[in-house]
Amino acid sequence: MMNFFGKKKKQQDAIEHADQLMNKGLSGLFMKGLIPKEHREQINQSLNSARQAQAAANGGLAMAATAVVISVTDTGKLVNFDPIVVLVLDVTEVNGNRYQKTLETLVSKLQIPRPGDTVGLGSNPVNPSELIYMGLVTA
């Protein structure tokens, strides 16, 4: 097909595109000038959470632990209409260590964990000592 209006760009990942708009080039300069630093940090934190969720959804992370949900508390925050919740978990690592952990994470509104459910946890690629939510584990 003929490209009348310039070269067709490769399809770019939406998260990477948002990161470029937020932090690089002329648009990044405008963002730094118009948006307060604490808001930019929140946006960048959300982008990092989205990257982690995308990696977990694509199977890019190995499961480092499983956990049984003890309680779920809604924070009232939404990201793309999916809730951010606080999970209290009874974690069992692959090596057998057990402990309780509280985790604030984004969950799918179609698969909100309930007390008693088993969820998967993976190692955060940026900080391997930190666990991130990977979703419900089906038997």
N, C-alpha and C. Protein backbone atom coordinates (compact mmCIF):
# COMPACT_ATOMS: atom_id res chain seq x y z
N MET A 1 0.84 -1.18 0.00
CA MET A 1 0.00 0.00 0.00
C MET A 1 0.89 1.24 0.00
N MET A 2 0.47 2.24 -0.69
CA MET A 2 1.26 3.47 -0.80
C MET A 2 1.08 4.31 0.46
N ASN A 3 2.18 4.90 0.92
CA ASN A 3 2.14 5.77 2.09
C ASN A 3 2.12 7.22 1.64
N PHE A 4 0.95 7.78 1.54
CA PHE A 4 0.81 9.15 1.07
C PHE A 4 1.28 10.19 2.08
N PHE A 5 1.15 9.89 3.33
CA PHE A 5 1.42 10.89 4.36
C PHE A 5 2.64 10.54 5.20
N GLY A 6 3.70 10.09 4.60
CA GLY A 6 4.92 9.77 5.34
C GLY A 6 5.02 8.30 5.65
N LYS A 7 6.13 7.97 6.27
CA LYS A 7 6.38 6.57 6.60
C LYS A 7 5.46 6.11 7.72
N LYS A 8 5.05 4.87 7.62
CA LYS A 8 4.23 4.30 8.67
C LYS A 8 5.16 3.83 9.78
N LYS A 9 4.89 4.28 10.99
CA LYS A 9 5.73 3.92 12.12
C LYS A 9 5.34 2.52 12.60
N LYS A 10 6.32 1.87 13.23
CA LYS A 10 6.02 0.59 13.84
C LYS A 10 4.99 0.80 14.93
N GLN A 11 4.20 -0.22 15.15
CA GLN A 11 3.24 -0.10 16.23
C GLN A 11 4.01 -0.03 17.54
N GLN A 12 3.74 1.00 18.30
CA GLN A 12 4.48 1.23 19.53
C GLN A 12 3.61 0.87 20.72
N ASP A 13 4.23 0.31 21.72
CA ASP A 13 3.54 -0.04 22.94
C ASP A 13 2.95 1.22 23.57
N ALA A 14 1.71 1.17 23.99
CA ALA A 14 1.03 2.35 24.54
C ALA A 14 1.71 2.87 25.79
N ILE A 15 2.22 1.99 26.62
CA ILE A 15 2.89 2.42 27.85
C ILE A 15 4.18 3.17 27.51
N GLU A 16 4.94 2.65 26.56
CA GLU A 16 6.18 3.31 26.16
C GLU A 16 5.87 4.66 25.49
N HIS A 17 4.80 4.70 24.73
CA HIS A 17 4.40 5.96 24.09
C HIS A 17 4.03 7.00 25.16
N ALA A 18 3.29 6.58 26.18
CA ALA A 18 2.93 7.49 27.26
C ALA A 18 4.17 7.96 28.01
N ASP A 19 5.13 7.04 28.23
CA ASP A 19 6.38 7.41 28.91
C ASP A 19 7.14 8.46 28.10
N GLN A 20 7.21 8.26 26.79
CA GLN A 20 7.90 9.22 25.94
C GLN A 20 7.22 10.58 25.97
N LEU A 21 5.90 10.60 25.91
CA LEU A 21 5.17 11.87 25.97
C LEU A 21 5.36 12.56 27.31
N MET A 22 5.46 11.78 28.37
CA MET A 22 5.56 12.34 29.71
C MET A 22 6.97 12.84 30.03
N ASN A 23 7.99 12.16 29.55
CA ASN A 23 9.35 12.41 30.04
C ASN A 23 10.36 12.85 28.99
N LYS A 24 10.04 12.80 27.71
CA LYS A 24 11.05 13.06 26.69
C LYS A 24 10.58 14.09 25.69
N GLY A 25 11.53 14.77 25.10
CA GLY A 25 11.25 15.69 24.02
C GLY A 25 10.50 16.94 24.45
N LEU A 26 9.90 17.58 23.48
CA LEU A 26 9.19 18.83 23.70
C LEU A 26 7.98 18.63 24.62
N SER A 27 7.25 17.53 24.43
CA SER A 27 6.09 17.29 25.29
C SER A 27 6.52 17.07 26.73
N GLY A 28 7.66 16.38 26.95
CA GLY A 28 8.18 16.19 28.30
C GLY A 28 8.56 17.52 28.94
N LEU A 29 9.11 18.42 28.14
CA LEU A 29 9.47 19.75 28.63
C LEU A 29 8.21 20.52 29.05
N PHE A 30 7.16 20.42 28.25
CA PHE A 30 5.90 21.06 28.61
C PHE A 30 5.33 20.45 29.89
N MET A 31 5.41 19.13 30.03
CA MET A 31 4.91 18.46 31.23
C MET A 31 5.65 18.98 32.46
N LYS A 32 6.97 19.10 32.35
CA LYS A 32 7.76 19.59 33.49
C LYS A 32 7.40 21.01 33.84
N GLY A 33 7.03 21.81 32.83
CA GLY A 33 6.67 23.19 33.08
C GLY A 33 5.26 23.38 33.60
N LEU A 34 4.35 22.48 33.24
CA LEU A 34 2.94 22.68 33.57
C LEU A 34 2.42 21.83 34.72
N ILE A 35 3.01 20.66 34.93
CA ILE A 35 2.49 19.73 35.94
C ILE A 35 3.43 19.71 37.14
N PRO A 36 2.89 19.87 38.36
CA PRO A 36 3.74 19.85 39.56
C PRO A 36 4.50 18.52 39.69
N LYS A 37 5.67 18.60 40.33
CA LYS A 37 6.56 17.44 40.45
C LYS A 37 5.87 16.24 41.08
N GLU A 38 5.08 16.45 42.16
CA GLU A 38 4.44 15.31 42.83
C GLU A 38 3.45 14.61 41.92
N HIS A 39 2.79 15.36 41.03
CA HIS A 39 1.85 14.75 40.08
C HIS A 39 2.61 13.97 39.00
N ARG A 40 3.73 14.52 38.54
CA ARG A 40 4.55 13.79 37.55
C ARG A 40 5.07 12.49 38.15
N GLU A 41 5.47 12.53 39.43
CA GLU A 41 5.96 11.32 40.09
C GLU A 41 4.85 10.28 40.19
N GLN A 42 3.62 10.72 40.48
CA GLN A 42 2.49 9.79 40.54
C GLN A 42 2.21 9.17 39.17
N ILE A 43 2.30 9.98 38.12
CA ILE A 43 2.08 9.48 36.76
C ILE A 43 3.16 8.46 36.41
N ASN A 44 4.42 8.77 36.72
CA ASN A 44 5.50 7.83 36.42
C ASN A 44 5.38 6.55 37.24
N GLN A 45 4.91 6.66 38.50
CA GLN A 45 4.69 5.47 39.31
C GLN A 45 3.58 4.61 38.69
N SER A 46 2.54 5.25 38.18
CA SER A 46 1.46 4.52 37.51
C SER A 46 1.96 3.82 36.25
N LEU A 47 2.83 4.50 35.49
CA LEU A 47 3.41 3.88 34.30
C LEU A 47 4.24 2.65 34.68
N ASN A 48 5.01 2.74 35.77
CA ASN A 48 5.80 1.59 36.21
C ASN A 48 4.90 0.44 36.66
N SER A 49 3.81 0.76 37.36
CA SER A 49 2.86 -0.28 37.77
C SER A 49 2.23 -0.94 36.54
N ALA A 50 1.91 -0.14 35.54
CA ALA A 50 1.33 -0.69 34.31
C ALA A 50 2.32 -1.60 33.59
N ARG A 51 3.61 -1.20 33.58
CA ARG A 51 4.64 -2.06 32.96
C ARG A 51 4.72 -3.41 33.68
N GLN A 52 4.70 -3.36 35.02
CA GLN A 52 4.77 -4.59 35.81
C GLN A 52 3.55 -5.47 35.55
N ALA A 53 2.38 -4.86 35.51
CA ALA A 53 1.15 -5.62 35.26
C ALA A 53 1.18 -6.23 33.87
N GLN A 54 1.70 -5.48 32.89
CA GLN A 54 1.79 -5.99 31.53
C GLN A 54 2.76 -7.16 31.46
N ALA A 55 3.89 -7.05 32.14
CA ALA A 55 4.87 -8.15 32.14
C ALA A 55 4.29 -9.39 32.81
N ALA A 56 3.56 -9.19 33.90
CA ALA A 56 2.94 -10.33 34.59
C ALA A 56 1.87 -10.97 33.72
N ALA A 57 1.07 -10.15 33.04
CA ALA A 57 0.00 -10.68 32.19
C ALA A 57 0.54 -11.43 30.99
N ASN A 58 1.69 -11.00 30.49
CA ASN A 58 2.29 -11.65 29.32
C ASN A 58 3.12 -12.87 29.67
N GLY A 59 3.17 -13.22 30.95
CA GLY A 59 3.97 -14.36 31.37
C GLY A 59 5.45 -14.07 31.39
N GLY A 60 5.81 -12.79 31.44
CA GLY A 60 7.22 -12.39 31.43
C GLY A 60 7.89 -12.55 32.78
N LEU A 61 7.13 -12.87 33.81
CA LEU A 61 7.69 -13.03 35.15
C LEU A 61 7.42 -14.44 35.64
N ALA A 62 8.41 -14.99 36.32
CA ALA A 62 8.22 -16.29 36.95
C ALA A 62 7.52 -16.10 38.29
N MET A 63 6.68 -17.06 38.65
CA MET A 63 5.98 -16.97 39.92
C MET A 63 6.97 -17.28 41.05
N ALA A 64 7.15 -16.33 41.95
CA ALA A 64 8.11 -16.48 43.06
C ALA A 64 7.43 -16.98 44.32
N ALA A 65 6.11 -16.81 44.41
CA ALA A 65 5.39 -17.22 45.61
C ALA A 65 3.90 -17.31 45.30
N THR A 66 3.20 -18.00 46.16
CA THR A 66 1.74 -17.98 46.13
C THR A 66 1.28 -17.44 47.47
N ALA A 67 0.05 -16.96 47.51
CA ALA A 67 -0.46 -16.40 48.76
C ALA A 67 -1.96 -16.64 48.85
N VAL A 68 -2.42 -16.82 50.07
CA VAL A 68 -3.85 -16.92 50.34
C VAL A 68 -4.30 -15.56 50.83
N VAL A 69 -5.37 -15.05 50.25
CA VAL A 69 -5.89 -13.73 50.60
C VAL A 69 -6.60 -13.82 51.95
N ILE A 70 -6.15 -12.96 52.88
CA ILE A 70 -6.79 -12.89 54.19
C ILE A 70 -7.89 -11.83 54.18
N SER A 71 -7.56 -10.65 53.61
CA SER A 71 -8.59 -9.61 53.50
C SER A 71 -8.30 -8.72 52.30
N VAL A 72 -9.35 -8.06 51.82
CA VAL A 72 -9.27 -7.14 50.69
C VAL A 72 -9.97 -5.84 51.11
N THR A 73 -9.26 -4.71 50.90
CA THR A 73 -9.82 -3.40 51.23
C THR A 73 -9.71 -2.51 50.00
N ASP A 74 -10.82 -1.90 49.61
CA ASP A 74 -10.82 -1.00 48.46
C ASP A 74 -10.26 0.35 48.88
N THR A 75 -9.35 0.90 48.08
CA THR A 75 -8.77 2.22 48.37
C THR A 75 -9.63 3.35 47.81
N GLY A 76 -10.53 3.03 46.89
CA GLY A 76 -11.34 4.05 46.24
C GLY A 76 -10.69 4.61 44.99
N LYS A 77 -9.45 4.20 44.71
CA LYS A 77 -8.74 4.67 43.52
C LYS A 77 -9.02 3.72 42.36
N LEU A 78 -9.07 4.28 41.15
CA LEU A 78 -9.28 3.49 39.94
C LEU A 78 -8.22 3.85 38.90
N VAL A 79 -7.77 2.86 38.14
CA VAL A 79 -6.90 3.07 36.99
C VAL A 79 -7.57 2.37 35.82
N ASN A 80 -8.02 3.14 34.84
CA ASN A 80 -8.78 2.59 33.71
C ASN A 80 -9.96 1.76 34.18
N PHE A 81 -10.65 2.25 35.18
CA PHE A 81 -11.84 1.63 35.77
C PHE A 81 -11.54 0.32 36.50
N ASP A 82 -10.27 -0.02 36.70
CA ASP A 82 -9.89 -1.17 37.52
C ASP A 82 -9.49 -0.65 38.90
N PRO A 83 -9.93 -1.32 39.98
CA PRO A 83 -9.66 -0.81 41.33
C PRO A 83 -8.24 -1.09 41.82
N ILE A 84 -7.77 -0.19 42.67
CA ILE A 84 -6.54 -0.43 43.43
C ILE A 84 -7.00 -0.84 44.82
N VAL A 85 -6.52 -1.99 45.28
CA VAL A 85 -6.95 -2.55 46.56
C VAL A 85 -5.75 -2.81 47.45
N VAL A 86 -6.02 -2.94 48.74
CA VAL A 86 -5.00 -3.36 49.71
C VAL A 86 -5.31 -4.81 50.06
N LEU A 87 -4.35 -5.68 49.78
CA LEU A 87 -4.49 -7.10 50.08
C LEU A 87 -3.64 -7.46 51.29
N VAL A 88 -4.23 -8.17 52.24
CA VAL A 88 -3.47 -8.77 53.33
C VAL A 88 -3.34 -10.23 52.96
N LEU A 89 -2.09 -10.70 52.82
CA LEU A 89 -1.82 -12.02 52.27
C LEU A 89 -1.02 -12.89 53.23
N ASP A 90 -1.30 -14.19 53.19
CA ASP A 90 -0.46 -15.20 53.86
C ASP A 90 0.40 -15.80 52.75
N VAL A 91 1.66 -15.36 52.67
CA VAL A 91 2.55 -15.69 51.56
C VAL A 91 3.34 -16.96 51.84
N THR A 92 3.45 -17.83 50.82
CA THR A 92 4.33 -18.99 50.87
C THR A 92 5.26 -18.90 49.67
N GLU A 93 6.55 -18.67 49.94
CA GLU A 93 7.53 -18.58 48.86
C GLU A 93 7.87 -19.96 48.33
N VAL A 94 8.54 -19.99 47.17
CA VAL A 94 8.91 -21.24 46.53
C VAL A 94 9.82 -22.08 47.45
N ASN A 95 10.68 -21.39 48.24
CA ASN A 95 11.60 -22.10 49.13
C ASN A 95 10.94 -22.55 50.43
N GLY A 96 9.64 -22.25 50.63
CA GLY A 96 8.92 -22.72 51.79
C GLY A 96 8.72 -21.68 52.88
N ASN A 97 9.36 -20.53 52.79
CA ASN A 97 9.18 -19.48 53.80
C ASN A 97 7.75 -18.99 53.79
N ARG A 98 7.18 -18.79 55.01
CA ARG A 98 5.80 -18.29 55.13
C ARG A 98 5.80 -17.04 55.99
N TYR A 99 5.02 -16.06 55.58
CA TYR A 99 4.87 -14.83 56.34
C TYR A 99 3.64 -14.09 55.84
N GLN A 100 3.25 -13.05 56.60
CA GLN A 100 2.11 -12.24 56.21
C GLN A 100 2.62 -10.95 55.58
N LYS A 101 1.94 -10.50 54.52
CA LYS A 101 2.36 -9.30 53.78
C LYS A 101 1.12 -8.49 53.39
N THR A 102 1.27 -7.16 53.46
CA THR A 102 0.23 -6.26 52.99
C THR A 102 0.71 -5.65 51.68
N LEU A 103 -0.14 -5.67 50.67
CA LEU A 103 0.24 -5.24 49.32
C LEU A 103 -0.86 -4.37 48.74
N GLU A 104 -0.50 -3.15 48.29
CA GLU A 104 -1.44 -2.29 47.57
C GLU A 104 -1.19 -2.49 46.10
N THR A 105 -2.22 -2.91 45.37
CA THR A 105 -2.02 -3.28 43.97
C THR A 105 -3.26 -3.03 43.13
N LEU A 106 -3.05 -2.94 41.84
CA LEU A 106 -4.11 -2.84 40.85
C LEU A 106 -4.61 -4.24 40.53
N VAL A 107 -5.93 -4.43 40.54
CA VAL A 107 -6.52 -5.72 40.18
C VAL A 107 -7.57 -5.51 39.09
N SER A 108 -7.82 -6.53 38.32
CA SER A 108 -8.86 -6.47 37.30
C SER A 108 -10.22 -6.46 37.98
N LYS A 109 -11.11 -5.59 37.50
CA LYS A 109 -12.46 -5.57 38.10
C LYS A 109 -13.22 -6.86 37.81
N LEU A 110 -12.74 -7.62 36.84
CA LEU A 110 -13.37 -8.90 36.52
C LEU A 110 -12.83 -10.04 37.39
N GLN A 111 -11.69 -9.81 38.06
CA GLN A 111 -11.08 -10.85 38.88
C GLN A 111 -10.58 -10.28 40.20
N ILE A 112 -11.46 -9.64 40.93
CA ILE A 112 -11.08 -9.10 42.24
C ILE A 112 -10.96 -10.28 43.21
N PRO A 113 -9.81 -10.44 43.85
CA PRO A 113 -9.66 -11.56 44.78
C PRO A 113 -10.54 -11.39 46.02
N ARG A 114 -10.96 -12.53 46.57
CA ARG A 114 -11.77 -12.54 47.77
C ARG A 114 -11.01 -13.29 48.85
N PRO A 115 -11.35 -13.06 50.11
CA PRO A 115 -10.67 -13.82 51.18
C PRO A 115 -10.79 -15.32 50.94
N GLY A 116 -9.66 -16.01 51.06
CA GLY A 116 -9.61 -17.45 50.81
C GLY A 116 -9.07 -17.80 49.44
N ASP A 117 -9.08 -16.86 48.49
CA ASP A 117 -8.54 -17.11 47.15
C ASP A 117 -7.02 -17.22 47.20
N THR A 118 -6.46 -17.97 46.25
CA THR A 118 -5.02 -18.08 46.11
C THR A 118 -4.58 -17.21 44.94
N VAL A 119 -3.55 -16.38 45.19
CA VAL A 119 -3.02 -15.48 44.16
C VAL A 119 -1.55 -15.78 43.94
N GLY A 120 -1.07 -15.43 42.75
CA GLY A 120 0.34 -15.59 42.42
C GLY A 120 1.09 -14.29 42.62
N LEU A 121 2.33 -14.40 43.06
CA LEU A 121 3.21 -13.25 43.26
C LEU A 121 4.50 -13.49 42.50
N GLY A 122 5.00 -12.46 41.84
CA GLY A 122 6.25 -12.56 41.10
C GLY A 122 7.27 -11.59 41.66
N SER A 123 8.54 -11.78 41.31
CA SER A 123 9.59 -10.86 41.72
C SER A 123 9.56 -9.63 40.83
N ASN A 124 9.64 -8.47 41.45
CA ASN A 124 9.69 -7.21 40.72
C ASN A 124 11.01 -7.14 39.96
N PRO A 125 10.99 -6.97 38.63
CA PRO A 125 12.24 -6.93 37.86
C PRO A 125 13.17 -5.79 38.28
N VAL A 126 12.59 -4.68 38.75
CA VAL A 126 13.40 -3.54 39.16
C VAL A 126 14.00 -3.76 40.55
N ASN A 127 13.24 -4.39 41.45
CA ASN A 127 13.69 -4.65 42.81
C ASN A 127 13.35 -6.10 43.15
N PRO A 128 14.26 -7.05 42.91
CA PRO A 128 13.94 -8.48 43.06
C PRO A 128 13.49 -8.90 44.47
N SER A 129 13.81 -8.11 45.49
CA SER A 129 13.38 -8.47 46.84
C SER A 129 11.91 -8.14 47.08
N GLU A 130 11.29 -7.40 46.15
CA GLU A 130 9.89 -6.99 46.26
C GLU A 130 9.01 -7.92 45.43
N LEU A 131 7.85 -8.28 45.99
CA LEU A 131 6.90 -9.13 45.27
C LEU A 131 5.80 -8.27 44.66
N ILE A 132 5.33 -8.66 43.47
CA ILE A 132 4.23 -7.96 42.82
C ILE A 132 3.10 -8.95 42.51
N TYR A 133 1.90 -8.42 42.50
CA TYR A 133 0.68 -9.20 42.26
C TYR A 133 0.63 -9.67 40.81
N MET A 134 0.34 -10.97 40.60
CA MET A 134 0.25 -11.49 39.25
C MET A 134 -1.14 -11.99 38.89
N GLY A 135 -2.05 -12.04 39.84
CA GLY A 135 -3.41 -12.47 39.54
C GLY A 135 -3.81 -13.71 40.29
N LEU A 136 -5.07 -14.11 40.08
CA LEU A 136 -5.60 -15.30 40.72
C LEU A 136 -4.95 -16.56 40.15
N VAL A 137 -4.73 -17.54 41.01
CA VAL A 137 -4.18 -18.82 40.60
C VAL A 137 -5.34 -19.80 40.52
N THR A 138 -5.51 -20.41 39.35
CA THR A 138 -6.59 -21.38 39.19
C THR A 138 -6.03 -22.79 39.39
N ALA A 139 -6.81 -23.61 40.02
CA ALA A 139 -6.36 -24.97 40.33
C ALA A 139 -6.48 -25.88 39.14
